[in-house]
C-alpha atoms as a PDB file:
ATOM      1  CA  MET A   1       0.000   0.000   0.000  1.00  0.00           C
ATOM      2  CA  ARG A   2       1.263   3.459  -0.892  1.00  0.00           C
ATOM      3  CA  LYS A   3       0.991   6.505   1.333  1.00  0.00           C
ATOM      4  CA  PRO A   4      -1.119   9.412   0.064  1.00  0.00           C
ATOM      5  CA  THR A   5       0.910  12.521  -0.664  1.00  0.00           C
ATOM      6  CA  THR A   6      -1.880  15.119  -0.773  1.00  0.00           C
ATOM      7  CA  THR A   7      -5.540  15.305   0.115  1.00  0.00           C
ATOM      8  CA  SER A   8      -7.824  16.218  -2.748  1.00  0.00           C
ATOM      9  CA  ARG A   9     -11.526  16.962  -2.681  1.00  0.00           C
ATOM     10  CA  ALA A  10     -12.116  13.554  -4.230  1.00  0.00           C
ATOM     11  CA  GLU A  11     -10.225  11.977  -1.326  1.00  0.00           C
ATOM     12  CA  GLY A  12     -12.480  13.929   1.023  1.00  0.00           C
ATOM     13  CA  ALA A  13     -15.474  12.385  -0.697  1.00  0.00           C
ATOM     14  CA  ILE A  14     -13.941   8.930  -0.328  1.00  0.00           C
ATOM     15  CA  ALA A  15     -13.313   9.707   3.354  1.00  0.00           C
ATOM     16  CA  ALA A  16     -17.026  10.475   3.776  1.00  0.00           C
ATOM     17  CA  LEU A  17     -17.698   6.948   2.555  1.00  0.00           C
ATOM     18  CA  ALA A  18     -15.000   5.443   4.760  1.00  0.00           C
ATOM     19  CA  THR A  19     -16.270   7.154   7.915  1.00  0.00           C
ATOM     20  CA  GLY A  20     -19.845   6.120   7.242  1.00  0.00           C
ATOM     21  CA  GLU A  21     -21.094   9.694   6.823  1.00  0.00           C
ATOM     22  CA  ILE A  22     -22.461   8.469   3.491  1.00  0.00           C
ATOM     23  CA  SER A  23     -23.165   4.812   2.778  1.00  0.00           C
ATOM     24  CA  LEU A  24     -21.818   3.399  -0.469  1.00  0.00           C
ATOM     25  CA  THR A  25     -25.148   1.630  -0.955  1.00  0.00           C
ATOM     26  CA  GLU A  26     -26.918   5.028  -1.037  1.00  0.00           C
ATOM     27  CA  LEU A  27     -25.117   5.908  -4.251  1.00  0.00           C
ATOM     28  CA  PRO A  28     -26.236   4.902  -7.741  1.00  0.00           C
ATOM     29  CA  ALA A  29     -24.551   1.747  -9.065  1.00  0.00           C
ATOM     30  CA  ARG A  30     -22.327   3.739 -11.446  1.00  0.00           C
ATOM     31  CA  LEU A  31     -20.914   5.817  -8.593  1.00  0.00           C
ATOM     32  CA  GLN A  32     -20.515   2.740  -6.392  1.00  0.00           C
ATOM     33  CA  ALA A  33     -18.320   1.274  -9.127  1.00  0.00           C
ATOM     34  CA  ILE A  34     -16.284   4.478  -9.415  1.00  0.00           C
ATOM     35  CA  ALA A  35     -15.762   4.550  -5.642  1.00  0.00           C
ATOM     36  CA  ALA A  36     -14.837   0.868  -5.538  1.00  0.00           C
ATOM     37  CA  THR A  37     -12.246   1.173  -8.296  1.00  0.00           C
ATOM     38  CA  LEU A  38     -10.837   4.646  -8.797  1.00  0.00           C
ATOM     39  CA  GLY A  39     -11.662   5.860  -5.303  1.00  0.00           C
ATOM     40  CA  ILE A  40      -9.901   3.023  -3.546  1.00  0.00           C
ATOM     41  CA  MET A  41      -6.788   3.446  -5.659  1.00  0.00           C
ATOM     42  CA  LEU A  42      -6.776   7.189  -4.959  1.00  0.00           C
ATOM     43  CA  SER A  43      -7.163   6.625  -1.221  1.00  0.00           C
ATOM     44  CA  ASP A  44      -4.309   4.092  -1.381  1.00  0.00           C
ATOM     45  CA  GLY A  45      -2.075   6.903  -2.619  1.00  0.00           C
ATOM     46  CA  TYR A  46      -2.004   6.324  -6.359  1.00  0.00           C
ATOM     47  CA  SER A  47      -1.964   9.499  -8.435  1.00  0.00           C
ATOM     48  CA  LYS A  48      -4.620  10.208 -11.028  1.00  0.00           C
ATOM     49  CA  ALA A  49      -1.961   9.676 -13.702  1.00  0.00           C
ATOM     50  CA  GLU A  50      -1.098   6.243 -12.297  1.00  0.00           C
ATOM     51  CA  ILE A  51      -4.769   5.274 -12.117  1.00  0.00           C
ATOM     52  CA  ALA A  52      -5.271   6.456 -15.699  1.00  0.00           C
ATOM     53  CA  ARG A  53      -2.337   4.353 -16.920  1.00  0.00           C
ATOM     54  CA  TYR A  54      -3.632   1.298 -15.033  1.00  0.00           C
ATOM     55  CA  TYR A  55      -7.057   1.551 -16.710  1.00  0.00           C
ATOM     56  CA  GLY A  56      -5.742   2.697 -20.098  1.00  0.00           C
ATOM     57  CA  LYS A  57      -7.620   5.977 -19.832  1.00  0.00           C
ATOM     58  CA  SER A  58      -6.603   9.630 -19.789  1.00  0.00           C
ATOM     59  CA  ARG A  59      -5.922  11.557 -16.594  1.00  0.00           C
ATOM     60  CA  ARG A  60      -8.857  13.782 -17.599  1.00  0.00           C
ATOM     61  CA  TRP A  61     -11.164  10.731 -17.732  1.00  0.00           C
ATOM     62  CA  VAL A  62     -10.119   9.741 -14.194  1.00  0.00           C
ATOM     63  CA  SER A  63     -10.547  13.314 -12.945  1.00  0.00           C
ATOM     64  CA  ASP A  64     -14.003  13.573 -14.512  1.00  0.00           C
ATOM     65  CA  ARG A  65     -15.171  10.311 -12.886  1.00  0.00           C
ATOM     66  CA  LEU A  66     -13.833  11.365  -9.483  1.00  0.00           C
ATOM     67  CA  LEU A  67     -15.453  14.787  -9.828  1.00  0.00           C
ATOM     68  CA  GLU A  68     -18.774  13.094 -10.606  1.00  0.00           C
ATOM     69  CA  LEU A  69     -18.413  11.004  -7.432  1.00  0.00           C
ATOM     70  CA  GLU A  70     -17.329  13.994  -5.355  1.00  0.00           C
ATOM     71  CA  ARG A  71     -20.291  16.120  -6.464  1.00  0.00           C
ATOM     72  CA  GLU A  72     -22.831  13.419  -5.665  1.00  0.00           C
ATOM     73  CA  ILE A  73     -21.357  12.773  -2.225  1.00  0.00           C
ATOM     74  CA  GLN A  74     -21.184  16.494  -1.447  1.00  0.00           C
ATOM     75  CA  ASN A  75     -24.804  16.932  -2.542  1.00  0.00           C
ATOM     76  CA  ARG A  76     -25.839  14.130  -0.199  1.00  0.00           C
ATOM     77  CA  ILE A  77     -23.812  15.556   2.690  1.00  0.00           C
ATOM     78  CA  ASP A  78     -25.344  18.999   2.118  1.00  0.00           C
ATOM     79  CA  TRP A  79     -28.831  17.482   2.069  1.00  0.00           C
ATOM     80  CA  LEU A  80     -28.206  15.514   5.273  1.00  0.00           C
ATOM     81  CA  ARG A  81     -26.856  18.575   7.059  1.00  0.00           C
ATOM     82  CA  ALA A  82     -29.848  20.628   5.948  1.00  0.00           C
ATOM     83  CA  GLN A  83     -32.095  18.040   7.639  1.00  0.00           C
ATOM     84  CA  GLU A  84     -30.441  18.544  11.036  1.00  0.00           C
ATOM     85  CA  PRO A  85     -32.865  20.148  13.502  1.00  0.00           C
ATOM     86  CA  GLY A  86     -32.107  23.755  14.351  1.00  0.00           C
ATOM     87  CA  ARG A  87     -29.608  24.185  11.563  1.00  0.00           C
ATOM     88  CA  PRO A  88     -30.164  27.397   9.589  1.00  0.00           C
ATOM     89  CA  PRO A  89     -30.280  27.087   5.796  1.00  0.00           C
ATOM     90  CA  GLU A  90     -27.022  27.988   4.044  1.00  0.00           C
END
């Protein structure tokens, strides 16, 4: 296992899955697959370029998939936080 060198927003989204803030099963199947493949490699410290080479895709393709995952997770976190009693709308 490699050590992560930086924390990206996509890694933050993966961390939300790892901590149970968002359940993987709550995500659509496509995003579950992205999290289970690209997300795990990213959290294991592989760079987007390394992941792209492994899958025979471009770095842009990897970034786009991770951004898709990140946006969905952030939307779900925002929705959950908005449901908290006494929390003012943002």
